[in-house]
Amino acid sequence: MSHPDSSEKVRGRGRVSCADCVIPSSPAPQSVDKRRYEGLVSF
């Protein structure tokens, strides 16, 4: 019963993560996004 709920929660969260990765790739937010993206890549 809790399976569908958990799956939906993870899917929604994962979707946000994907968008975050695509945002820095865009030429619009290249100031704060790029800095955040660089930090992840610098890992």
PDB file of N, CA and C in Angstrom:
ATOM      1  N   MET A   1       0.859  -1.215   0.000  1.00  0.00           N
ATOM      2  CA  MET A   1       0.000   0.000   0.000  1.00  0.00           C
ATOM      3  C   MET A   1       0.894   1.264   0.000  1.00  0.00           C
ATOM      4  N   SER A   2       1.984   1.200   0.738  1.00  0.00           N
ATOM      5  CA  SER A   2       2.873   2.374   0.820  1.00  0.00           C
ATOM      6  C   SER A   2       3.842   2.394  -0.373  1.00  0.00           C
ATOM      7  N   HIS A   3       3.804   1.342  -1.136  1.00  0.00           N
ATOM      8  CA  HIS A   3       4.735   1.263  -2.288  1.00  0.00           C
ATOM      9  C   HIS A   3       4.500   2.389  -3.301  1.00  0.00           C
ATOM     10  N   PRO A   4       3.260   2.554  -3.732  1.00  0.00           N
ATOM     11  CA  PRO A   4       2.959   3.604  -4.728  1.00  0.00           C
ATOM     12  C   PRO A   4       3.294   4.995  -4.187  1.00  0.00           C
ATOM     13  N   ASP A   5       3.047   5.191  -2.915  1.00  0.00           N
ATOM     14  CA  ASP A   5       3.322   6.506  -2.305  1.00  0.00           C
ATOM     15  C   ASP A   5       4.829   6.788  -2.331  1.00  0.00           C
ATOM     16  N   SER A   6       5.595   5.789  -1.937  1.00  0.00           N
ATOM     17  CA  SER A   6       7.058   5.968  -1.886  1.00  0.00           C
ATOM     18  C   SER A   6       7.593   6.190  -3.308  1.00  0.00           C
ATOM     19  N   SER A   7       7.080   5.408  -4.232  1.00  0.00           N
ATOM     20  CA  SER A   7       7.557   5.522  -5.635  1.00  0.00           C
ATOM     21  C   SER A   7       7.259   6.939  -6.148  1.00  0.00           C
ATOM     22  N   GLU A   8       6.080   7.425  -5.866  1.00  0.00           N
ATOM     23  CA  GLU A   8       5.704   8.771  -6.360  1.00  0.00           C
ATOM     24  C   GLU A   8       6.614   9.834  -5.727  1.00  0.00           C
ATOM     25  N   LYS A   9       6.901   9.660  -4.460  1.00  0.00           N
ATOM     26  CA  LYS A   9       7.727  10.667  -3.766  1.00  0.00           C
ATOM     27  C   LYS A   9       9.138  10.680  -4.386  1.00  0.00           C
ATOM     28  N   VAL A  10       9.682   9.520  -4.601  1.00  0.00           N
ATOM     29  CA  VAL A  10      11.056   9.427  -5.160  1.00  0.00           C
ATOM     30  C   VAL A  10      11.053   9.960  -6.589  1.00  0.00           C
ATOM     31  N   ARG A  11      10.026   9.608  -7.335  1.00  0.00           N
ATOM     32  CA  ARG A  11       9.962  10.055  -8.745  1.00  0.00           C
ATOM     33  C   ARG A  11       9.905  11.593  -8.763  1.00  0.00           C
ATOM     34  N   GLY A  12       9.069  12.175  -7.957  1.00  0.00           N
ATOM     35  CA  GLY A  12       8.947  13.646  -7.954  1.00  0.00           C
ATOM     36  C   GLY A  12      10.289  14.269  -7.559  1.00  0.00           C
ATOM     37  N   ARG A  13      10.922  13.695  -6.602  1.00  0.00           N
ATOM     38  CA  ARG A  13      12.209  14.260  -6.126  1.00  0.00           C
ATOM     39  C   ARG A  13      13.256  14.078  -7.244  1.00  0.00           C
ATOM     40  N   GLY A  14      13.302  12.908  -7.811  1.00  0.00           N
ATOM     41  CA  GLY A  14      14.281  12.655  -8.886  1.00  0.00           C
ATOM     42  C   GLY A  14      14.071  13.641 -10.031  1.00  0.00           C
ATOM     43  N   ARG A  15      12.819  13.909 -10.330  1.00  0.00           N
ATOM     44  CA  ARG A  15      12.509  14.829 -11.454  1.00  0.00           C
ATOM     45  C   ARG A  15      13.140  16.200 -11.116  1.00  0.00           C
ATOM     46  N   VAL A  16      13.025  16.620  -9.922  1.00  0.00           N
ATOM     47  CA  VAL A  16      13.567  17.948  -9.550  1.00  0.00           C
ATOM     48  C   VAL A  16      15.092  17.950  -9.737  1.00  0.00           C
ATOM     49  N   SER A  17      15.702  16.843  -9.366  1.00  0.00           N
ATOM     50  CA  SER A  17      17.170  16.747  -9.481  1.00  0.00           C
ATOM     51  C   SER A  17      17.580  16.871 -10.957  1.00  0.00           C
ATOM     52  N   CYS A  18      16.844  16.180 -11.797  1.00  0.00           N
ATOM     53  CA  CYS A  18      17.160  16.204 -13.249  1.00  0.00           C
ATOM     54  C   CYS A  18      17.046  17.653 -13.750  1.00  0.00           C
ATOM     55  N   ALA A  19      16.004  18.320 -13.351  1.00  0.00           N
ATOM     56  CA  ALA A  19      15.780  19.713 -13.811  1.00  0.00           C
ATOM     57  C   ALA A  19      16.938  20.586 -13.327  1.00  0.00           C
ATOM     58  N   ASP A  20      17.392  20.344 -12.109  1.00  0.00           N
ATOM     59  CA  ASP A  20      18.510  21.139 -11.569  1.00  0.00           C
ATOM     60  C   ASP A  20      19.756  20.981 -12.447  1.00  0.00           C
ATOM     61  N   CYS A  21      19.948  19.746 -12.908  1.00  0.00           N
ATOM     62  CA  CYS A  21      21.134  19.482 -13.758  1.00  0.00           C
ATOM     63  C   CYS A  21      20.965  20.166 -15.119  1.00  0.00           C
ATOM     64  N   VAL A  22      19.741  20.205 -15.596  1.00  0.00           N
ATOM     65  CA  VAL A  22      19.491  20.801 -16.922  1.00  0.00           C
ATOM     66  C   VAL A  22      19.497  22.329 -16.823  1.00  0.00           C
ATOM     67  N   ILE A  23      19.125  22.852 -15.693  1.00  0.00           N
ATOM     68  CA  ILE A  23      19.078  24.323 -15.520  1.00  0.00           C
ATOM     69  C   ILE A  23      20.466  24.939 -15.730  1.00  0.00           C
ATOM     70  N   PRO A  24      21.483  24.444 -15.057  1.00  0.00           N
ATOM     71  CA  PRO A  24      22.837  25.011 -15.211  1.00  0.00           C
ATOM     72  C   PRO A  24      23.323  24.890 -16.654  1.00  0.00           C
ATOM     73  N   SER A  25      22.830  23.891 -17.353  1.00  0.00           N
ATOM     74  CA  SER A  25      23.252  23.678 -18.748  1.00  0.00           C
ATOM     75  C   SER A  25      22.653  24.787 -19.638  1.00  0.00           C
ATOM     76  N   SER A  26      21.579  25.384 -19.151  1.00  0.00           N
ATOM     77  CA  SER A  26      20.927  26.449 -19.952  1.00  0.00           C
ATOM     78  C   SER A  26      21.762  27.736 -19.916  1.00  0.00           C
ATOM     79  N   PRO A  27      21.623  28.570 -20.936  1.00  0.00           N
ATOM     80  CA  PRO A  27      22.384  29.823 -21.006  1.00  0.00           C
ATOM     81  C   PRO A  27      21.691  30.931 -20.206  1.00  0.00           C
ATOM     82  N   ALA A  28      20.569  30.635 -19.617  1.00  0.00           N
ATOM     83  CA  ALA A  28      19.839  31.663 -18.853  1.00  0.00           C
ATOM     84  C   ALA A  28      20.460  31.813 -17.459  1.00  0.00           C
ATOM     85  N   PRO A  29      20.304  30.833 -16.588  1.00  0.00           N
ATOM     86  CA  PRO A  29      20.885  30.910 -15.238  1.00  0.00           C
ATOM     87  C   PRO A  29      22.325  30.408 -15.262  1.00  0.00           C
ATOM     88  N   GLN A  30      23.243  31.233 -15.644  1.00  0.00           N
ATOM     89  CA  GLN A  30      24.647  30.787 -15.716  1.00  0.00           C
ATOM     90  C   GLN A  30      25.479  31.437 -14.609  1.00  0.00           C
ATOM     91  N   SER A  31      24.809  32.033 -13.634  1.00  0.00           N
ATOM     92  CA  SER A  31      25.547  32.715 -12.554  1.00  0.00           C
ATOM     93  C   SER A  31      25.539  31.848 -11.300  1.00  0.00           C
ATOM     94  N   VAL A  32      24.375  31.700 -10.711  1.00  0.00           N
ATOM     95  CA  VAL A  32      24.267  30.890  -9.483  1.00  0.00           C
ATOM     96  C   VAL A  32      24.207  29.411  -9.855  1.00  0.00           C
ATOM     97  N   ASP A  33      23.502  29.108 -10.942  1.00  0.00           N
ATOM     98  CA  ASP A  33      23.370  27.699 -11.361  1.00  0.00           C
ATOM     99  C   ASP A  33      24.740  27.132 -11.706  1.00  0.00           C
ATOM    100  N   LYS A  34      25.479  27.889 -12.480  1.00  0.00           N
ATOM    101  CA  LYS A  34      26.802  27.396 -12.917  1.00  0.00           C
ATOM    102  C   LYS A  34      27.675  27.141 -11.678  1.00  0.00           C
ATOM    103  N   ARG A  35      27.621  28.032 -10.753  1.00  0.00           N
ATOM    104  CA  ARG A  35      28.467  27.882  -9.536  1.00  0.00           C
ATOM    105  C   ARG A  35      28.051  26.589  -8.811  1.00  0.00           C
ATOM    106  N   ARG A  36      26.767  26.370  -8.732  1.00  0.00           N
ATOM    107  CA  ARG A  36      26.288  25.159  -8.030  1.00  0.00           C
ATOM    108  C   ARG A  36      26.690  23.913  -8.850  1.00  0.00           C
ATOM    109  N   TYR A  37      26.527  24.011 -10.147  1.00  0.00           N
ATOM    110  CA  TYR A  37      26.863  22.869 -11.012  1.00  0.00           C
ATOM    111  C   TYR A  37      28.374  22.575 -10.927  1.00  0.00           C
ATOM    112  N   GLU A  38      29.152  23.610 -10.942  1.00  0.00           N
ATOM    113  CA  GLU A  38      30.622  23.426 -10.884  1.00  0.00           C
ATOM    114  C   GLU A  38      30.998  22.709  -9.578  1.00  0.00           C
ATOM    115  N   GLY A  39      30.333  23.097  -8.497  1.00  0.00           N
ATOM    116  CA  GLY A  39      30.622  22.462  -7.201  1.00  0.00           C
ATOM    117  C   GLY A  39      30.375  20.953  -7.289  1.00  0.00           C
ATOM    118  N   LEU A  40      29.293  20.580  -7.946  1.00  0.00           N
ATOM    119  CA  LEU A  40      28.978  19.148  -8.066  1.00  0.00           C
ATOM    120  C   LEU A  40      30.035  18.468  -8.936  1.00  0.00           C
ATOM    121  N   VAL A  41      30.430  19.139  -9.988  1.00  0.00           N
ATOM    122  CA  VAL A  41      31.418  18.546 -10.920  1.00  0.00           C
ATOM    123  C   VAL A  41      32.805  18.530 -10.268  1.00  0.00           C
ATOM    124  N   SER A  42      33.055  19.535  -9.466  1.00  0.00           N
ATOM    125  CA  SER A  42      34.384  19.650  -8.814  1.00  0.00           C
ATOM    126  C   SER A  42      34.552  18.505  -7.813  1.00  0.00           C
ATOM    127  N   PHE A  43      33.431  17.954  -7.386  1.00  0.00           N
ATOM    128  CA  PHE A  43      33.476  16.858  -6.411  1.00  0.00           C
ATOM    129  C   PHE A  43      34.627  15.933  -6.793  1.00  0.00           C
TER     130      PHE A  43
END
